[in-house]
Amino acid sequence: MNILVLSGSPRKGGNTDLMVNAFVKGTSEHYHVEVVSVHDNKVAPCISCNACFKSDNNTCVQKDDMIGIYEKMKQADMLVIASPVYFYGLSAQVKAVIDRCYNPIRSTFNIKKTALLLVGASTLPELFDSIITQYKLCLNFFHLEDAGCVVARGVKDKGDIKNTNSLNEAYELGQSL
């Protein structure tokens, strides 16, 4: 199985990166895993021009790094979305990639499973509810299997996640695949 992790944190070595690393450590013995730091790629938001529906090979009019991410998504059997949560939503970097999957090129993807890794500073119990609802809607719409979700609350400063059980949970999620 080829696993693609889209990591949406702009903070290198932060809590999201640590969670991604734990997940990768859990999976890498058995599967090929590639991590794409979305922040390191230039991905413009979808402009809803619908040109991709009319063009050959569903080509987007925006010439940016999403072309390479589409190629990686075509090769993936599983997609993992990892994101810090600022104001009850995914990071803007990840959201731009997801919105660009409005493109019908998504029908060429082999993705069958998805997972979610979320990190937030707040300790509110409902911190991740809106994201998880969106995630479930996508699972249902695209008929994808949910491989799992790991969340970490109350982690603001770099390394705070080490004081939670979330790194173990991310590792165990990787091992369970």
Protein backbone atom coordinates (compact mmCIF):
# COMPACT_ATOMS: atom_id res chain seq x y z
CA MET A 1 0.00 0.00 0.00
CA ASN A 2 1.20 3.50 -0.85
CA ILE A 3 0.33 6.06 1.80
CA LEU A 4 0.42 9.80 1.15
CA VAL A 5 0.44 12.11 4.16
CA LEU A 6 -0.47 15.72 3.49
CA SER A 7 0.89 17.71 6.40
CA GLY A 8 -0.57 21.18 6.70
CA SER A 9 1.57 22.75 9.37
CA PRO A 10 3.72 25.73 8.49
CA ARG A 11 5.71 25.21 11.71
CA LYS A 12 8.65 22.86 11.12
CA GLY A 13 9.28 20.43 13.96
CA GLY A 14 6.03 21.37 15.65
CA ASN A 15 3.35 19.19 17.18
CA THR A 16 1.75 18.25 13.85
CA ASP A 17 5.14 17.16 12.48
CA LEU A 18 5.76 15.08 15.60
CA MET A 19 2.40 13.36 15.21
CA VAL A 20 3.08 12.70 11.52
CA ASN A 21 6.49 11.24 12.39
CA ALA A 22 4.91 8.90 14.95
CA PHE A 23 2.34 7.74 12.39
CA VAL A 24 5.03 7.20 9.74
CA LYS A 25 7.15 5.23 12.19
CA GLY A 26 4.17 2.96 12.80
CA THR A 27 3.52 2.35 9.09
CA SER A 28 6.91 2.43 7.42
CA GLU A 29 7.87 -1.17 8.27
CA HIS A 30 5.05 -2.47 6.08
CA TYR A 31 4.13 0.26 3.62
CA HIS A 32 5.60 2.95 1.42
CA VAL A 33 4.83 6.30 3.05
CA GLU A 34 5.45 9.72 1.55
CA VAL A 35 4.95 12.92 3.52
CA VAL A 36 4.24 16.12 1.63
CA SER A 37 4.54 19.33 3.60
CA VAL A 38 1.83 21.34 1.95
CA HIS A 39 3.37 24.55 3.29
CA ASP A 40 6.48 23.86 1.18
CA ASN A 41 4.35 23.85 -1.97
CA LYS A 42 2.67 26.76 -3.70
CA VAL A 43 -0.99 25.81 -3.98
CA ALA A 44 -3.48 28.52 -4.85
CA PRO A 45 -7.08 28.15 -3.72
CA CYS A 46 -9.65 26.89 -6.21
CA ILE A 47 -11.18 29.76 -8.15
CA SER A 48 -14.23 27.74 -9.24
CA CYS A 49 -13.77 28.59 -12.92
CA ASN A 50 -14.70 25.00 -13.92
CA ALA A 51 -12.06 24.98 -16.65
CA CYS A 52 -10.84 21.63 -15.32
CA PHE A 53 -14.18 20.09 -16.30
CA LYS A 54 -13.71 21.19 -19.91
CA SER A 55 -9.98 20.79 -20.49
CA ASP A 56 -8.04 17.78 -21.70
CA ASN A 57 -6.90 15.61 -18.80
CA ASN A 58 -8.79 17.89 -16.39
CA THR A 59 -5.96 20.42 -16.46
CA CYS A 60 -6.35 23.28 -14.01
CA VAL A 61 -5.72 26.79 -15.33
CA GLN A 62 -3.61 27.54 -12.26
CA LYS A 63 0.00 26.56 -12.82
CA ASP A 64 1.31 25.76 -9.38
CA ASP A 65 2.58 22.86 -7.29
CA MET A 66 -0.83 21.19 -7.16
CA ILE A 67 0.12 19.43 -10.39
CA GLY A 68 2.73 17.42 -8.48
CA ILE A 69 0.36 16.76 -5.59
CA TYR A 70 -2.25 15.41 -8.03
CA GLU A 71 0.39 12.97 -9.33
CA LYS A 72 1.19 11.81 -5.81
CA MET A 73 -2.51 11.38 -5.08
CA LYS A 74 -2.89 9.24 -8.21
CA GLN A 75 -0.24 6.85 -6.82
CA ALA A 76 -1.68 6.68 -3.30
CA ASP A 77 -3.90 3.93 -1.94
CA MET A 78 -4.40 5.81 1.31
CA LEU A 79 -4.49 9.52 2.13
CA VAL A 80 -3.73 10.95 5.57
CA ILE A 81 -4.58 14.55 6.34
CA ALA A 82 -2.54 16.08 9.17
CA SER A 83 -3.28 19.59 10.33
CA PRO A 84 -3.00 22.03 13.15
CA VAL A 85 -6.34 23.54 14.10
CA TYR A 86 -6.42 27.28 14.58
CA PHE A 87 -10.03 28.48 14.41
CA TYR A 88 -11.95 25.18 14.41
CA GLY A 89 -10.88 24.27 10.89
CA LEU A 90 -8.05 22.73 8.92
CA SER A 91 -5.04 24.90 8.15
CA ALA A 92 -5.42 27.11 5.08
CA GLN A 93 -2.62 25.17 3.39
CA VAL A 94 -4.46 21.83 3.65
CA LYS A 95 -7.82 23.37 2.85
CA ALA A 96 -6.45 24.78 -0.43
CA VAL A 97 -5.31 21.29 -1.49
CA ILE A 98 -8.63 19.72 -0.53
CA ASP A 99 -10.59 22.40 -2.39
CA ARG A 100 -8.46 21.84 -5.49
CA CYS A 101 -9.72 18.23 -5.46
CA TYR A 102 -12.98 19.70 -6.74
CA ASN A 103 -11.25 18.98 -10.06
CA PRO A 104 -12.67 15.83 -11.73
CA ILE A 105 -9.10 14.49 -11.86
CA ARG A 106 -9.99 13.05 -8.46
CA SER A 107 -11.74 10.19 -10.28
CA THR A 108 -8.29 8.96 -11.37
CA PHE A 109 -7.11 8.55 -7.78
CA ASN A 110 -6.77 5.04 -6.31
CA ILE A 111 -7.34 6.24 -2.74
CA LYS A 112 -9.48 3.77 -0.80
CA LYS A 113 -8.69 4.70 2.82
CA THR A 114 -8.17 7.92 4.68
CA ALA A 115 -7.11 8.98 8.15
CA LEU A 116 -7.01 12.23 10.05
CA LEU A 117 -4.36 13.61 12.42
CA LEU A 118 -5.33 16.84 14.21
CA VAL A 119 -3.54 19.04 16.72
CA GLY A 120 -5.02 22.02 18.56
CA ALA A 121 -4.11 24.36 21.40
CA SER A 122 -7.61 24.57 22.85
CA THR A 123 -8.87 22.01 25.34
CA LEU A 124 -12.53 22.40 24.36
CA PRO A 125 -14.17 18.99 23.89
CA GLU A 126 -15.80 20.12 20.63
CA LEU A 127 -12.58 21.55 19.16
CA PHE A 128 -12.43 19.05 16.27
CA ASP A 129 -16.16 18.45 15.72
CA SER A 130 -16.59 20.57 12.57
CA ILE A 131 -13.53 19.02 10.91
CA ILE A 132 -14.60 15.49 11.77
CA THR A 133 -18.09 16.20 10.37
CA GLN A 134 -16.57 17.44 7.08
CA TYR A 135 -14.27 14.41 7.03
CA LYS A 136 -17.20 12.00 7.44
CA LEU A 137 -19.12 13.77 4.67
CA CYS A 138 -16.15 13.28 2.33
CA LEU A 139 -15.86 9.62 3.34
CA ASN A 140 -19.51 9.04 2.50
CA PHE A 141 -19.47 11.02 -0.75
CA PHE A 142 -16.35 9.29 -2.11
CA HIS A 143 -17.07 5.87 -0.56
CA LEU A 144 -13.78 5.85 1.34
CA GLU A 145 -12.85 3.69 4.30
CA ASP A 146 -12.04 5.52 7.52
CA ALA A 147 -8.74 4.18 8.84
CA GLY A 148 -8.94 6.31 11.98
CA CYS A 149 -8.52 9.67 13.59
CA VAL A 150 -6.04 10.86 16.21
CA VAL A 151 -6.51 14.21 17.94
CA ALA A 152 -4.39 16.15 20.40
CA ARG A 153 -5.93 18.92 22.51
CA GLY A 154 -4.09 21.46 24.62
CA VAL A 155 -0.88 21.41 22.58
CA LYS A 156 0.21 24.93 21.70
CA ASP A 157 3.97 25.25 22.02
CA LYS A 158 6.45 23.06 20.15
CA GLY A 159 6.81 19.74 21.92
CA ASP A 160 3.65 20.03 24.05
CA ILE A 161 2.31 16.93 22.30
CA LYS A 162 4.99 14.87 24.05
CA ASN A 163 2.98 15.34 27.25
CA THR A 164 -0.05 13.57 25.77
CA ASN A 165 -0.76 10.03 24.60
CA SER A 166 -1.38 11.25 21.03
CA LEU A 167 2.04 10.24 19.67
CA ASN A 168 1.42 6.67 20.88
CA GLU A 169 -2.05 6.75 19.34
CA ALA A 170 -0.65 7.96 16.00
CA TYR A 171 2.02 5.23 16.06
CA GLU A 172 -0.61 2.60 16.91
CA LEU A 173 -2.84 3.84 14.10
CA GLY A 174 0.05 3.32 11.71
CA GLN A 175 0.71 -0.13 13.12
CA SER A 176 -2.97 -1.12 12.81
CA LEU A 177 -3.10 -0.68 9.03
